[in-house]
Amino acid sequence: METVAYILYTLSNRGLLLLPIAIFGTIAGVSYVLHLRKRLTANEPAVYGAASNSGRAKLLIARFVTGLCIVAIFGFLAFSVFNIFRPHLVDGWLMNAVGARANAVVTNVEATNNRHNKNTVMRHDILFKTADGTPVETYFHTWDFNIYPSASSVRYPQQGQQFRVLYLPSYPTTFLILTEEDSPYSKQNDCGDLIKALEAAKIKHDFDPKDPKFKAALDEAAKKVIDAKCGTTTVDGNAF
């Protein structure tokens, strides 16, 4: 199962490259399968006319195999498209079942020469220890979107920040950043969202202080920030 998770993880990390390959492979694969089925069923009328049991069995097998191939081809295409919007969702689920957890820290962050969505792709070097105490030094890029659970928006841990990772014991450099574990990184993410919600509630309340709904929403947002013990934090370069 770890090998399957590793393969899916690798494919997810190559999502943008995987899609055009999947489209080309789907066209070529379906064309070949249909051609193969045509050859395998070329004598279909004669077979049914002769009422041959062995011939009918061969036809059923041919139909089943070609149908299975077509399902697999379109399944791979669907996975490639889905991976663009929710990377590491499928392999993350599998890694969560067979993987292990560890505390990690970002040792260095530096810019690369690549860009994604007009933003510079950053390389984050990290360090963690496996369950047997073996240190693992590896890295990820900001276009890997190696967050679990998968999310539409991503905040990455910065230099010196500790966080939790989910890794494959047989492939320890294959890892995902956990966002729902108890760590300084997770707390910053939670506080960032809570503080943004508080700021939004405050703007609405300032616009119409007499509206009881805005006052209640502001009080509730403030209570959540206090309960989470957020205080002053910095998220994505913005201070609150």
C-alpha atoms as a PDB file:
ATOM      1  CA  MET A   1       0.000   0.000   0.000  1.00  0.00           C
ATOM      2  CA  GLU A   2       2.919   2.357   0.685  1.00  0.00           C
ATOM      3  CA  THR A   3       4.152   1.892  -2.887  1.00  0.00           C
ATOM      4  CA  VAL A   4       0.698   2.739  -4.246  1.00  0.00           C
ATOM      5  CA  ALA A   5       0.590   5.839  -2.020  1.00  0.00           C
ATOM      6  CA  TYR A   6       4.074   6.808  -3.211  1.00  0.00           C
ATOM      7  CA  ILE A   7       3.081   6.522  -6.883  1.00  0.00           C
ATOM      8  CA  LEU A   8      -0.096   8.563  -6.363  1.00  0.00           C
ATOM      9  CA  TYR A   9       1.865  11.166  -4.377  1.00  0.00           C
ATOM     10  CA  THR A  10       4.431  11.482  -7.170  1.00  0.00           C
ATOM     11  CA  LEU A  11       1.685  11.877  -9.761  1.00  0.00           C
ATOM     12  CA  SER A  12      -0.030  14.541  -7.628  1.00  0.00           C
ATOM     13  CA  ASN A  13       3.194  16.535  -7.394  1.00  0.00           C
ATOM     14  CA  ARG A  14       3.298  16.619 -11.181  1.00  0.00           C
ATOM     15  CA  GLY A  15      -0.310  17.697 -11.627  1.00  0.00           C
ATOM     16  CA  LEU A  16       0.241  20.395 -14.241  1.00  0.00           C
ATOM     17  CA  LEU A  17       2.425  18.083 -16.311  1.00  0.00           C
ATOM     18  CA  LEU A  18       0.185  15.093 -15.718  1.00  0.00           C
ATOM     19  CA  LEU A  19      -2.958  16.597 -17.290  1.00  0.00           C
ATOM     20  CA  PRO A  20      -1.689  17.037 -20.894  1.00  0.00           C
ATOM     21  CA  ILE A  21      -0.062  13.586 -20.696  1.00  0.00           C
ATOM     22  CA  ALA A  22      -3.369  12.124 -19.489  1.00  0.00           C
ATOM     23  CA  ILE A  23      -5.310  13.823 -22.314  1.00  0.00           C
ATOM     24  CA  PHE A  24      -2.892  12.554 -24.965  1.00  0.00           C
ATOM     25  CA  GLY A  25      -2.800   9.122 -23.355  1.00  0.00           C
ATOM     26  CA  THR A  26      -6.601   8.966 -23.245  1.00  0.00           C
ATOM     27  CA  ILE A  27      -6.925   9.712 -26.965  1.00  0.00           C
ATOM     28  CA  ALA A  28      -4.203   7.250 -27.910  1.00  0.00           C
ATOM     29  CA  GLY A  29      -5.342   4.604 -25.436  1.00  0.00           C
ATOM     30  CA  VAL A  30      -9.006   4.657 -26.419  1.00  0.00           C
ATOM     31  CA  SER A  31      -8.090   4.528 -30.124  1.00  0.00           C
ATOM     32  CA  TYR A  32      -5.867   1.505 -29.550  1.00  0.00           C
ATOM     33  CA  VAL A  33      -8.398  -0.290 -27.355  1.00  0.00           C
ATOM     34  CA  LEU A  34     -11.178   0.212 -29.903  1.00  0.00           C
ATOM     35  CA  HIS A  35      -8.874  -1.055 -32.652  1.00  0.00           C
ATOM     36  CA  LEU A  36      -7.961  -4.086 -30.549  1.00  0.00           C
ATOM     37  CA  ARG A  37     -11.607  -4.820 -29.775  1.00  0.00           C
ATOM     38  CA  LYS A  38     -12.432  -4.647 -33.454  1.00  0.00           C
ATOM     39  CA  ARG A  39      -9.789  -7.255 -34.189  1.00  0.00           C
ATOM     40  CA  LEU A  40     -10.885  -9.496 -31.332  1.00  0.00           C
ATOM     41  CA  THR A  41     -14.536  -9.383 -32.376  1.00  0.00           C
ATOM     42  CA  ALA A  42     -13.978  -9.543 -36.126  1.00  0.00           C
ATOM     43  CA  ASN A  43     -15.624 -12.969 -36.358  1.00  0.00           C
ATOM     44  CA  GLU A  44     -18.525 -12.133 -34.036  1.00  0.00           C
ATOM     45  CA  PRO A  45     -21.360 -12.890 -36.540  1.00  0.00           C
ATOM     46  CA  ALA A  46     -19.823 -16.223 -37.465  1.00  0.00           C
ATOM     47  CA  VAL A  47     -19.313 -17.135 -33.849  1.00  0.00           C
ATOM     48  CA  TYR A  48     -22.917 -16.456 -32.917  1.00  0.00           C
ATOM     49  CA  GLY A  49     -24.135 -18.137 -36.031  1.00  0.00           C
ATOM     50  CA  ALA A  50     -22.267 -21.267 -35.063  1.00  0.00           C
ATOM     51  CA  ALA A  51     -23.489 -20.957 -31.491  1.00  0.00           C
ATOM     52  CA  SER A  52     -19.982 -21.754 -30.271  1.00  0.00           C
ATOM     53  CA  ASN A  53     -19.726 -21.632 -26.492  1.00  0.00           C
ATOM     54  CA  SER A  54     -15.973 -21.148 -26.573  1.00  0.00           C
ATOM     55  CA  GLY A  55     -16.351 -18.423 -29.181  1.00  0.00           C
ATOM     56  CA  ARG A  56     -18.958 -16.624 -27.115  1.00  0.00           C
ATOM     57  CA  ALA A  57     -16.709 -16.853 -24.060  1.00  0.00           C
ATOM     58  CA  LYS A  58     -13.852 -15.274 -25.998  1.00  0.00           C
ATOM     59  CA  LEU A  59     -16.123 -12.451 -27.123  1.00  0.00           C
ATOM     60  CA  LEU A  60     -17.292 -11.803 -23.572  1.00  0.00           C
ATOM     61  CA  ILE A  61     -13.695 -11.740 -22.337  1.00  0.00           C
ATOM     62  CA  ALA A  62     -12.715  -9.366 -25.149  1.00  0.00           C
ATOM     63  CA  ARG A  63     -15.579  -7.028 -24.300  1.00  0.00           C
ATOM     64  CA  PHE A  64     -14.783  -7.146 -20.603  1.00  0.00           C
ATOM     65  CA  VAL A  65     -11.064  -6.466 -21.075  1.00  0.00           C
ATOM     66  CA  THR A  66     -11.580  -3.611 -23.513  1.00  0.00           C
ATOM     67  CA  GLY A  67     -14.287  -2.103 -21.300  1.00  0.00           C
ATOM     68  CA  LEU A  68     -12.009  -2.350 -18.274  1.00  0.00           C
ATOM     69  CA  CYS A  69      -9.194  -0.663 -20.190  1.00  0.00           C
ATOM     70  CA  ILE A  70     -11.449   2.203 -21.241  1.00  0.00           C
ATOM     71  CA  VAL A  71     -12.670   2.683 -17.657  1.00  0.00           C
ATOM     72  CA  ALA A  72      -9.064   2.719 -16.421  1.00  0.00           C
ATOM     73  CA  ILE A  73      -8.015   5.239 -19.082  1.00  0.00           C
ATOM     74  CA  PHE A  74     -10.867   7.643 -18.334  1.00  0.00           C
ATOM     75  CA  GLY A  75     -10.353   7.079 -14.596  1.00  0.00           C
ATOM     76  CA  PHE A  76      -6.752   8.247 -14.953  1.00  0.00           C
ATOM     77  CA  LEU A  77      -7.936  11.297 -16.894  1.00  0.00           C
ATOM     78  CA  ALA A  78     -10.511  12.099 -14.185  1.00  0.00           C
ATOM     79  CA  PHE A  79      -7.825  11.740 -11.515  1.00  0.00           C
ATOM     80  CA  SER A  80      -5.565  14.143 -13.419  1.00  0.00           C
ATOM     81  CA  VAL A  81      -8.301  16.776 -13.738  1.00  0.00           C
ATOM     82  CA  PHE A  82      -9.399  16.355 -10.109  1.00  0.00           C
ATOM     83  CA  ASN A  83      -5.786  16.659  -8.958  1.00  0.00           C
ATOM     84  CA  ILE A  84      -5.555  20.174 -10.400  1.00  0.00           C
ATOM     85  CA  PHE A  85      -8.220  21.408  -7.978  1.00  0.00           C
ATOM     86  CA  ARG A  86      -7.562  19.151  -4.970  1.00  0.00           C
ATOM     87  CA  PRO A  87      -3.979  17.884  -5.077  1.00  0.00           C
ATOM     88  CA  HIS A  88      -2.982  15.136  -2.644  1.00  0.00           C
ATOM     89  CA  LEU A  89      -6.554  14.376  -1.644  1.00  0.00           C
ATOM     90  CA  VAL A  90      -6.505  10.761  -2.861  1.00  0.00           C
ATOM     91  CA  ASP A  91      -2.917   9.918  -1.905  1.00  0.00           C
ATOM     92  CA  GLY A  92      -3.341  11.883   1.333  1.00  0.00           C
ATOM     93  CA  TRP A  93      -6.213   9.632   2.364  1.00  0.00           C
ATOM     94  CA  LEU A  94      -4.079   6.570   1.683  1.00  0.00           C
ATOM     95  CA  MET A  95      -1.018   8.020   3.424  1.00  0.00           C
ATOM     96  CA  ASN A  96      -3.159   8.818   6.436  1.00  0.00           C
ATOM     97  CA  ALA A  97      -4.012   5.120   6.637  1.00  0.00           C
ATOM     98  CA  VAL A  98      -0.505   3.663   6.225  1.00  0.00           C
ATOM     99  CA  GLY A  99       1.824   6.551   7.086  1.00  0.00           C
ATOM    100  CA  ALA A 100       3.423   7.875  10.266  1.00  0.00           C
ATOM    101  CA  ARG A 101       3.546  11.296  11.900  1.00  0.00           C
ATOM    102  CA  ALA A 102       6.510  13.358  13.049  1.00  0.00           C
ATOM    103  CA  ASN A 103       7.447  16.836  14.250  1.00  0.00           C
ATOM    104  CA  ALA A 104       9.281  18.875  11.617  1.00  0.00           C
ATOM    105  CA  VAL A 105      10.893  22.293  11.299  1.00  0.00           C
ATOM    106  CA  VAL A 106      11.669  24.540   8.340  1.00  0.00           C
ATOM    107  CA  THR A 107      15.420  25.112   8.207  1.00  0.00           C
ATOM    108  CA  ASN A 108      15.596  27.404   5.192  1.00  0.00           C
ATOM    109  CA  VAL A 109      13.384  29.172   2.649  1.00  0.00           C
ATOM    110  CA  GLU A 110      14.696  30.463  -0.656  1.00  0.00           C
ATOM    111  CA  ALA A 111      13.339  31.605  -4.001  1.00  0.00           C
ATOM    112  CA  THR A 112      13.669  29.519  -7.158  1.00  0.00           C
ATOM    113  CA  ASN A 113      13.729  30.594 -10.782  1.00  0.00           C
ATOM    114  CA  ASN A 114      10.254  29.156 -11.372  1.00  0.00           C
ATOM    115  CA  ARG A 115       6.919  30.966 -11.209  1.00  0.00           C
ATOM    116  CA  HIS A 116       3.371  29.759 -10.644  1.00  0.00           C
ATOM    117  CA  ASN A 117       0.309  31.992 -11.083  1.00  0.00           C
ATOM    118  CA  LYS A 118       2.685  34.979 -11.410  1.00  0.00           C
ATOM    119  CA  ASN A 119       4.234  34.194  -8.002  1.00  0.00           C
ATOM    120  CA  THR A 120       7.790  33.056  -7.382  1.00  0.00           C
ATOM    121  CA  VAL A 121       8.000  29.405  -6.398  1.00  0.00           C
ATOM    122  CA  MET A 122       9.749  29.044  -3.033  1.00  0.00           C
ATOM    123  CA  ARG A 123      11.788  26.083  -1.824  1.00  0.00           C
ATOM    124  CA  HIS A 124      11.371  25.128   1.846  1.00  0.00           C
ATOM    125  CA  ASP A 125      14.066  22.903   3.357  1.00  0.00           C
ATOM    126  CA  ILE A 126      12.815  20.875   6.311  1.00  0.00           C
ATOM    127  CA  LEU A 127      14.115  18.471   8.924  1.00  0.00           C
ATOM    128  CA  PHE A 128      12.329  15.773  10.900  1.00  0.00           C
ATOM    129  CA  LYS A 129      13.032  12.430  12.561  1.00  0.00           C
ATOM    130  CA  THR A 130      11.335   9.152  11.740  1.00  0.00           C
ATOM    131  CA  ALA A 131       9.876   6.877  14.395  1.00  0.00           C
ATOM    132  CA  ASP A 132      13.237   5.122  14.849  1.00  0.00           C
ATOM    133  CA  GLY A 133      15.060   8.425  15.319  1.00  0.00           C
ATOM    134  CA  THR A 134      16.584   8.676  11.842  1.00  0.00           C
ATOM    135  CA  PRO A 135      16.937  12.327  10.768  1.00  0.00           C
ATOM    136  CA  VAL A 136      15.449  13.175   7.371  1.00  0.00           C
ATOM    137  CA  GLU A 137      16.478  16.321   5.521  1.00  0.00           C
ATOM    138  CA  THR A 138      14.259  17.039   2.546  1.00  0.00           C
ATOM    139  CA  TYR A 139      12.299  19.898   0.971  1.00  0.00           C
ATOM    140  CA  PHE A 140       9.120  20.954  -0.778  1.00  0.00           C
ATOM    141  CA  HIS A 141       8.173  23.685  -3.227  1.00  0.00           C
ATOM    142  CA  THR A 142       5.217  26.000  -2.916  1.00  0.00           C
ATOM    143  CA  TRP A 143       3.729  24.609  -6.113  1.00  0.00           C
ATOM    144  CA  ASP A 144       3.597  21.094  -4.619  1.00  0.00           C
ATOM    145  CA  PHE A 145       0.504  22.037  -2.551  1.00  0.00           C
ATOM    146  CA  ASN A 146       1.457  19.156  -0.227  1.00  0.00           C
ATOM    147  CA  ILE A 147      -1.124  20.078   2.424  1.00  0.00           C
ATOM    148  CA  TYR A 148      -3.406  17.564   4.130  1.00  0.00           C
ATOM    149  CA  PRO A 149      -6.327  17.772   4.383  1.00  0.00           C
ATOM    150  CA  SER A 150      -6.336  19.290   0.911  1.00  0.00           C
ATOM    151  CA  ALA A 151      -7.395  22.943   0.745  1.00  0.00           C
ATOM    152  CA  SER A 152      -8.085  25.526  -1.950  1.00  0.00           C
ATOM    153  CA  SER A 153      -5.767  28.031  -0.244  1.00  0.00           C
ATOM    154  CA  VAL A 154      -2.427  27.262   1.347  1.00  0.00           C
ATOM    155  CA  ARG A 155      -0.266  28.888   4.014  1.00  0.00           C
ATOM    156  CA  TYR A 156       3.148  27.298   4.329  1.00  0.00           C
ATOM    157  CA  PRO A 157       5.310  27.163   7.479  1.00  0.00           C
ATOM    158  CA  GLN A 158       8.209  29.611   7.456  1.00  0.00           C
ATOM    159  CA  GLN A 159      11.839  29.353   8.540  1.00  0.00           C
ATOM    160  CA  GLY A 160      12.203  28.170  12.118  1.00  0.00           C
ATOM    161  CA  GLN A 161       8.522  27.253  12.413  1.00  0.00           C
ATOM    162  CA  GLN A 162       7.585  23.813  13.706  1.00  0.00           C
ATOM    163  CA  PHE A 163       4.802  21.761  12.187  1.00  0.00           C
ATOM    164  CA  ARG A 164       3.597  18.176  11.849  1.00  0.00           C
ATOM    165  CA  VAL A 165       4.181  15.938   8.842  1.00  0.00           C
ATOM    166  CA  LEU A 166       2.626  12.718   7.602  1.00  0.00           C
ATOM    167  CA  TYR A 167       5.238  10.541   5.877  1.00  0.00           C
ATOM    168  CA  LEU A 168       5.619   7.068   4.402  1.00  0.00           C
ATOM    169  CA  PRO A 169       7.993   4.927   6.515  1.00  0.00           C
ATOM    170  CA  SER A 170       9.412   3.182   3.426  1.00  0.00           C
ATOM    171  CA  TYR A 171       9.737   6.495   1.553  1.00  0.00           C
ATOM    172  CA  PRO A 172      10.358   9.084   4.299  1.00  0.00           C
ATOM    173  CA  THR A 173      10.981  11.954   1.873  1.00  0.00           C
ATOM    174  CA  THR A 174       7.381  11.478   0.718  1.00  0.00           C
ATOM    175  CA  PHE A 175       5.459  13.642   3.167  1.00  0.00           C
ATOM    176  CA  LEU A 176       2.480  15.926   3.594  1.00  0.00           C
ATOM    177  CA  ILE A 177       2.090  18.949   5.865  1.00  0.00           C
ATOM    178  CA  LEU A 178      -0.668  18.381   8.400  1.00  0.00           C
ATOM    179  CA  THR A 179      -2.932  21.351   9.072  1.00  0.00           C
ATOM    180  CA  GLU A 180      -5.175  19.814  11.729  1.00  0.00           C
ATOM    181  CA  GLU A 181      -2.468  18.729  14.191  1.00  0.00           C
ATOM    182  CA  ASP A 182      -1.446  20.599  17.348  1.00  0.00           C
ATOM    183  CA  SER A 183       1.574  22.663  16.285  1.00  0.00           C
ATOM    184  CA  PRO A 184       2.637  26.341  16.136  1.00  0.00           C
ATOM    185  CA  TYR A 185       2.021  26.257  12.385  1.00  0.00           C
ATOM    186  CA  SER A 186      -1.526  24.910  12.750  1.00  0.00           C
ATOM    187  CA  LYS A 187      -2.287  27.415  15.489  1.00  0.00           C
ATOM    188  CA  GLN A 188      -1.093  30.263  13.273  1.00  0.00           C
ATOM    189  CA  ASN A 189      -3.359  29.048  10.473  1.00  0.00           C
ATOM    190  CA  ASP A 190      -6.346  28.851  12.800  1.00  0.00           C
ATOM    191  CA  CYS A 191      -5.623  32.252  14.329  1.00  0.00           C
ATOM    192  CA  GLY A 192      -5.128  33.800  10.913  1.00  0.00           C
ATOM    193  CA  ASP A 193      -8.593  32.720   9.827  1.00  0.00           C
ATOM    194  CA  LEU A 194     -10.172  33.786  13.131  1.00  0.00           C
ATOM    195  CA  ILE A 195      -8.527  37.197  13.076  1.00  0.00           C
ATOM    196  CA  LYS A 196      -9.561  37.800   9.475  1.00  0.00           C
ATOM    197  CA  ALA A 197     -13.135  36.935  10.439  1.00  0.00           C
ATOM    198  CA  LEU A 198     -12.846  39.359  13.374  1.00  0.00           C
ATOM    199  CA  GLU A 199     -11.617  42.133  11.099  1.00  0.00           C
ATOM    200  CA  ALA A 200     -14.518  41.518   8.689  1.00  0.00           C
ATOM    201  CA  ALA A 201     -17.024  41.603  11.567  1.00  0.00           C
ATOM    202  CA  LYS A 202     -15.478  44.827  12.873  1.00  0.00           C
ATOM    203  CA  ILE A 203     -15.774  46.535   9.481  1.00  0.00           C
ATOM    204  CA  LYS A 204     -19.469  45.622   9.272  1.00  0.00           C
ATOM    205  CA  HIS A 205     -20.079  46.821  12.827  1.00  0.00           C
ATOM    206  CA  ASP A 206     -18.276  50.125  12.190  1.00  0.00           C
ATOM    207  CA  PHE A 207     -20.404  50.634   9.089  1.00  0.00           C
ATOM    208  CA  ASP A 208     -23.641  50.309  11.086  1.00  0.00           C
ATOM    209  CA  PRO A 209     -23.029  50.191  14.881  1.00  0.00           C
ATOM    210  CA  LYS A 210     -26.771  50.186  15.595  1.00  0.00           C
ATOM    211  CA  ASP A 211     -27.444  46.913  13.773  1.00  0.00           C
ATOM    212  CA  PRO A 212     -27.752  44.184  16.456  1.00  0.00           C
ATOM    213  CA  LYS A 213     -26.759  41.453  14.009  1.00  0.00           C
ATOM    214  CA  PHE A 214     -23.404  43.116  13.323  1.00  0.00           C
ATOM    215  CA  LYS A 215     -22.823  43.626  17.065  1.00  0.00           C
ATOM    216  CA  ALA A 216     -23.601  39.981  17.818  1.00  0.00           C
ATOM    217  CA  ALA A 217     -21.332  38.789  14.998  1.00  0.00           C
ATOM    218  CA  LEU A 218     -18.493  41.006  16.278  1.00  0.00           C
ATOM    219  CA  ASP A 219     -18.859  39.698  19.821  1.00  0.00           C
ATOM    220  CA  GLU A 220     -18.865  36.101  18.614  1.00  0.00           C
ATOM    221  CA  ALA A 221     -15.783  36.615  16.432  1.00  0.00           C
ATOM    222  CA  ALA A 222     -13.935  38.317  19.290  1.00  0.00           C
ATOM    223  CA  LYS A 223     -14.817  35.478  21.656  1.00  0.00           C
ATOM    224  CA  LYS A 224     -13.399  32.905  19.227  1.00  0.00           C
ATOM    225  CA  VAL A 225     -10.101  34.825  19.010  1.00  0.00           C
ATOM    226  CA  ILE A 226      -9.885  35.068  22.801  1.00  0.00           C
ATOM    227  CA  ASP A 227     -10.777  31.390  23.323  1.00  0.00           C
ATOM    228  CA  ALA A 228      -8.111  30.349  20.811  1.00  0.00           C
ATOM    229  CA  LYS A 229      -5.547  32.548  22.648  1.00  0.00           C
ATOM    230  CA  CYS A 230      -4.449  34.046  19.369  1.00  0.00           C
ATOM    231  CA  GLY A 231      -3.282  37.459  20.442  1.00  0.00           C
ATOM    232  CA  THR A 232      -1.216  39.279  17.823  1.00  0.00           C
ATOM    233  CA  THR A 233       0.044  37.144  14.982  1.00  0.00           C
ATOM    234  CA  THR A 234       1.337  37.468  11.440  1.00  0.00           C
ATOM    235  CA  VAL A 235      -0.150  35.560   8.543  1.00  0.00           C
ATOM    236  CA  ASP A 236       1.016  35.836   4.943  1.00  0.00           C
ATOM    237  CA  GLY A 237       2.979  38.954   5.753  1.00  0.00           C
ATOM    238  CA  ASN A 238       0.014  40.849   7.212  1.00  0.00           C
ATOM    239  CA  ALA A 239       0.068  41.845  10.864  1.00  0.00           C
ATOM    240  CA  PHE A 240      -3.109  41.809  12.946  1.00  0.00           C
END
